[in-house]
Structures are given as C-alpha cells and as structure tokens.
C-alpha atoms as a PDB file:
ATOM      1  CA  MET A   1     -79.021 -45.164  45.250  1.00  0.00           C
ATOM      2  CA  ALA A   2     -79.019 -47.605  48.197  1.00  0.00           C
ATOM      3  CA  ILE A   3     -78.375 -44.888  50.743  1.00  0.00           C
ATOM      4  CA  CYS A   4     -81.259 -42.854  49.383  1.00  0.00           C
ATOM      5  CA  GLU A   5     -83.531 -45.894  49.447  1.00  0.00           C
ATOM      6  CA  ASP A   6     -82.465 -46.688  53.036  1.00  0.00           C
ATOM      7  CA  PHE A   7     -83.370 -43.133  54.083  1.00  0.00           C
ATOM      8  CA  LEU A   8     -86.749 -43.135  52.274  1.00  0.00           C
ATOM      9  CA  CYS A   9     -87.578 -46.530  53.759  1.00  0.00           C
ATOM     10  CA  SER A  10     -86.999 -45.040  57.218  1.00  0.00           C
ATOM     11  CA  THR A  11     -89.499 -42.288  56.536  1.00  0.00           C
ATOM     12  CA  LEU A  12     -92.423 -44.564  55.561  1.00  0.00           C
ATOM     13  CA  ASN A  13     -95.706 -43.637  57.233  1.00  0.00           C
ATOM     14  CA  ILE A  14     -99.428 -43.899  56.594  1.00  0.00           C
ATOM     15  CA  GLU A  15     -99.565 -40.691  54.635  1.00  0.00           C
ATOM     16  CA  ASN A  16     -96.592 -41.175  52.334  1.00  0.00           C
ATOM     17  CA  ALA A  17     -96.440 -44.964  51.714  1.00  0.00           C
ATOM     18  CA  THR A  18     -98.345 -44.914  48.453  1.00  0.00           C
ATOM     19  CA  ASP A  19     -96.412 -41.907  47.180  1.00  0.00           C
ATOM     20  CA  LEU A  20     -93.148 -43.661  47.920  1.00  0.00           C
ATOM     21  CA  LEU A  21     -94.409 -46.818  46.280  1.00  0.00           C
ATOM     22  CA  ILE A  22     -95.259 -44.882  43.111  1.00  0.00           C
ATOM     23  CA  PHE A  23     -91.884 -43.125  43.246  1.00  0.00           C
ATOM     24  CA  ALA A  24     -90.088 -46.445  43.664  1.00  0.00           C
ATOM     25  CA  ASP A  25     -91.990 -47.957  40.739  1.00  0.00           C
ATOM     26  CA  ILE A  26     -91.149 -45.084  38.417  1.00  0.00           C
ATOM     27  CA  HIS A  27     -87.471 -45.071  39.403  1.00  0.00           C
ATOM     28  CA  SER A  28     -86.954 -48.852  39.670  1.00  0.00           C
ATOM     29  CA  ALA A  29     -85.987 -48.570  43.319  1.00  0.00           C
ATOM     30  CA  THR A  30     -86.579 -52.195  44.230  1.00  0.00           C
ATOM     31  CA  GLN A  31     -85.668 -51.971  47.937  1.00  0.00           C
ATOM     32  CA  LEU A  32     -87.968 -49.035  48.451  1.00  0.00           C
ATOM     33  CA  LYS A  33     -90.755 -50.575  46.414  1.00  0.00           C
ATOM     34  CA  SER A  34     -90.602 -53.733  48.490  1.00  0.00           C
ATOM     35  CA  ALA A  35     -90.528 -51.817  51.804  1.00  0.00           C
ATOM     36  CA  ALA A  36     -93.411 -49.536  50.757  1.00  0.00           C
ATOM     37  CA  SER A  37     -95.485 -52.476  49.529  1.00  0.00           C
ATOM     38  CA  ASN A  38     -94.940 -54.420  52.794  1.00  0.00           C
ATOM     39  CA  TYR A  39     -95.758 -51.310  54.855  1.00  0.00           C
ATOM     40  CA  ILE A  40     -98.966 -50.837  52.891  1.00  0.00           C
ATOM     41  CA  LYS A  41     -99.969 -54.502  53.320  1.00  0.00           C
ATOM     42  CA  HIS A  42     -99.489 -54.247  57.089  1.00  0.00           C
ATOM     43  CA  ASN A  43    -101.422 -50.968  57.337  1.00  0.00           C
ATOM     44  CA  ILE A  44    -103.979 -51.373  54.548  1.00  0.00           C
ATOM     45  CA  ASN A  45    -106.965 -50.488  56.687  1.00  0.00           C
ATOM     46  CA  GLU A  46    -105.641 -46.988  57.400  1.00  0.00           C
ATOM     47  CA  ILE A  47    -103.964 -46.447  54.012  1.00  0.00           C
ATOM     48  CA  VAL A  48    -107.119 -47.009  51.955  1.00  0.00           C
ATOM     49  CA  ASN A  49    -108.499 -43.787  53.416  1.00  0.00           C
ATOM     50  CA  THR A  50    -105.591 -41.599  52.353  1.00  0.00           C
ATOM     51  CA  ARG A  51    -105.253 -39.214  49.434  1.00  0.00           C
ATOM     52  CA  GLY A  52    -102.306 -41.206  48.171  1.00  0.00           C
ATOM     53  CA  TRP A  53    -104.370 -44.390  47.888  1.00  0.00           C
ATOM     54  CA  LYS A  54    -106.999 -42.504  45.873  1.00  0.00           C
ATOM     55  CA  THR A  55    -104.328 -41.178  43.598  1.00  0.00           C
ATOM     56  CA  MET A  56    -102.806 -44.593  43.111  1.00  0.00           C
ATOM     57  CA  LYS A  57    -106.272 -46.054  42.298  1.00  0.00           C
ATOM     58  CA  SER A  58    -106.720 -43.393  39.615  1.00  0.00           C
ATOM     59  CA  ASN A  59    -103.275 -43.194  38.105  1.00  0.00           C
ATOM     60  CA  GLN A  60    -101.215 -46.230  38.957  1.00  0.00           C
ATOM     61  CA  THR A  61    -103.720 -49.073  38.943  1.00  0.00           C
ATOM     62  CA  HIS A  62    -101.136 -51.723  38.122  1.00  0.00           C
ATOM     63  CA  LEU A  63     -99.678 -51.209  41.632  1.00  0.00           C
ATOM     64  CA  LEU A  64    -102.962 -52.140  43.218  1.00  0.00           C
ATOM     65  CA  LEU A  65    -102.679 -55.802  42.109  1.00  0.00           C
ATOM     66  CA  ASP A  66    -100.397 -56.587  45.045  1.00  0.00           C
ATOM     67  CA  PHE A  67    -103.074 -55.591  47.497  1.00  0.00           C
ATOM     68  CA  LEU A  68    -106.006 -57.473  46.069  1.00  0.00           C
ATOM     69  CA  PRO A  69    -107.030 -60.648  47.822  1.00  0.00           C
ATOM     70  CA  LYS A  70    -105.395 -63.694  46.206  1.00  0.00           C
ATOM     71  CA  LYS A  71    -107.695 -66.498  44.885  1.00  0.00           C
ATOM     72  CA  ASP A  72    -106.980 -69.966  46.203  1.00  0.00           C
ATOM     73  CA  ALA A  73    -105.196 -71.908  43.496  1.00  0.00           C
ATOM     74  CA  GLN A  74    -107.137 -75.011  44.482  1.00  0.00           C
ATOM     75  CA  GLN A  75    -110.553 -73.563  43.644  1.00  0.00           C
END
C-alpha cells in the first residue's frame, strides 16, 4: 500500500486533493490522508471553490473539522 500512497501523494493538486482525502479516509491510508490534509490546509483559498470541496461538505462533513479555525484554549 505504501507505494500506491506515495504515487497518489505525488499527484495531489487543487482539483483532486479533496477526492484523495476522502479516498484515504475510506481506505485508512494514513500517509495519503495526512498529505492530502496538509495540501488542502496550504491551498485552502483555492480548494474551497472546487467541486470536490462541495462534495466533501455534503457527504463527508467529519473531514471538514480539520479545516475549521481552532478556538484559543485560553478563552
């Protein structure tokens, strides 16, 4: 599985990042899930306008939690 994850990580782009995150979540591909999540965090402004983001908002809402602003623990 690691070779497949390495390959998929190398193909991450604005259009497929959310699809690969969903795929990684379904298949417990932790390396790919981490890479896709980091890619999305670094490119969030472009990714929120994609079809994949809209799909994830509708069908995989639990994955959105990583991308919501964190509240300060001191407040």
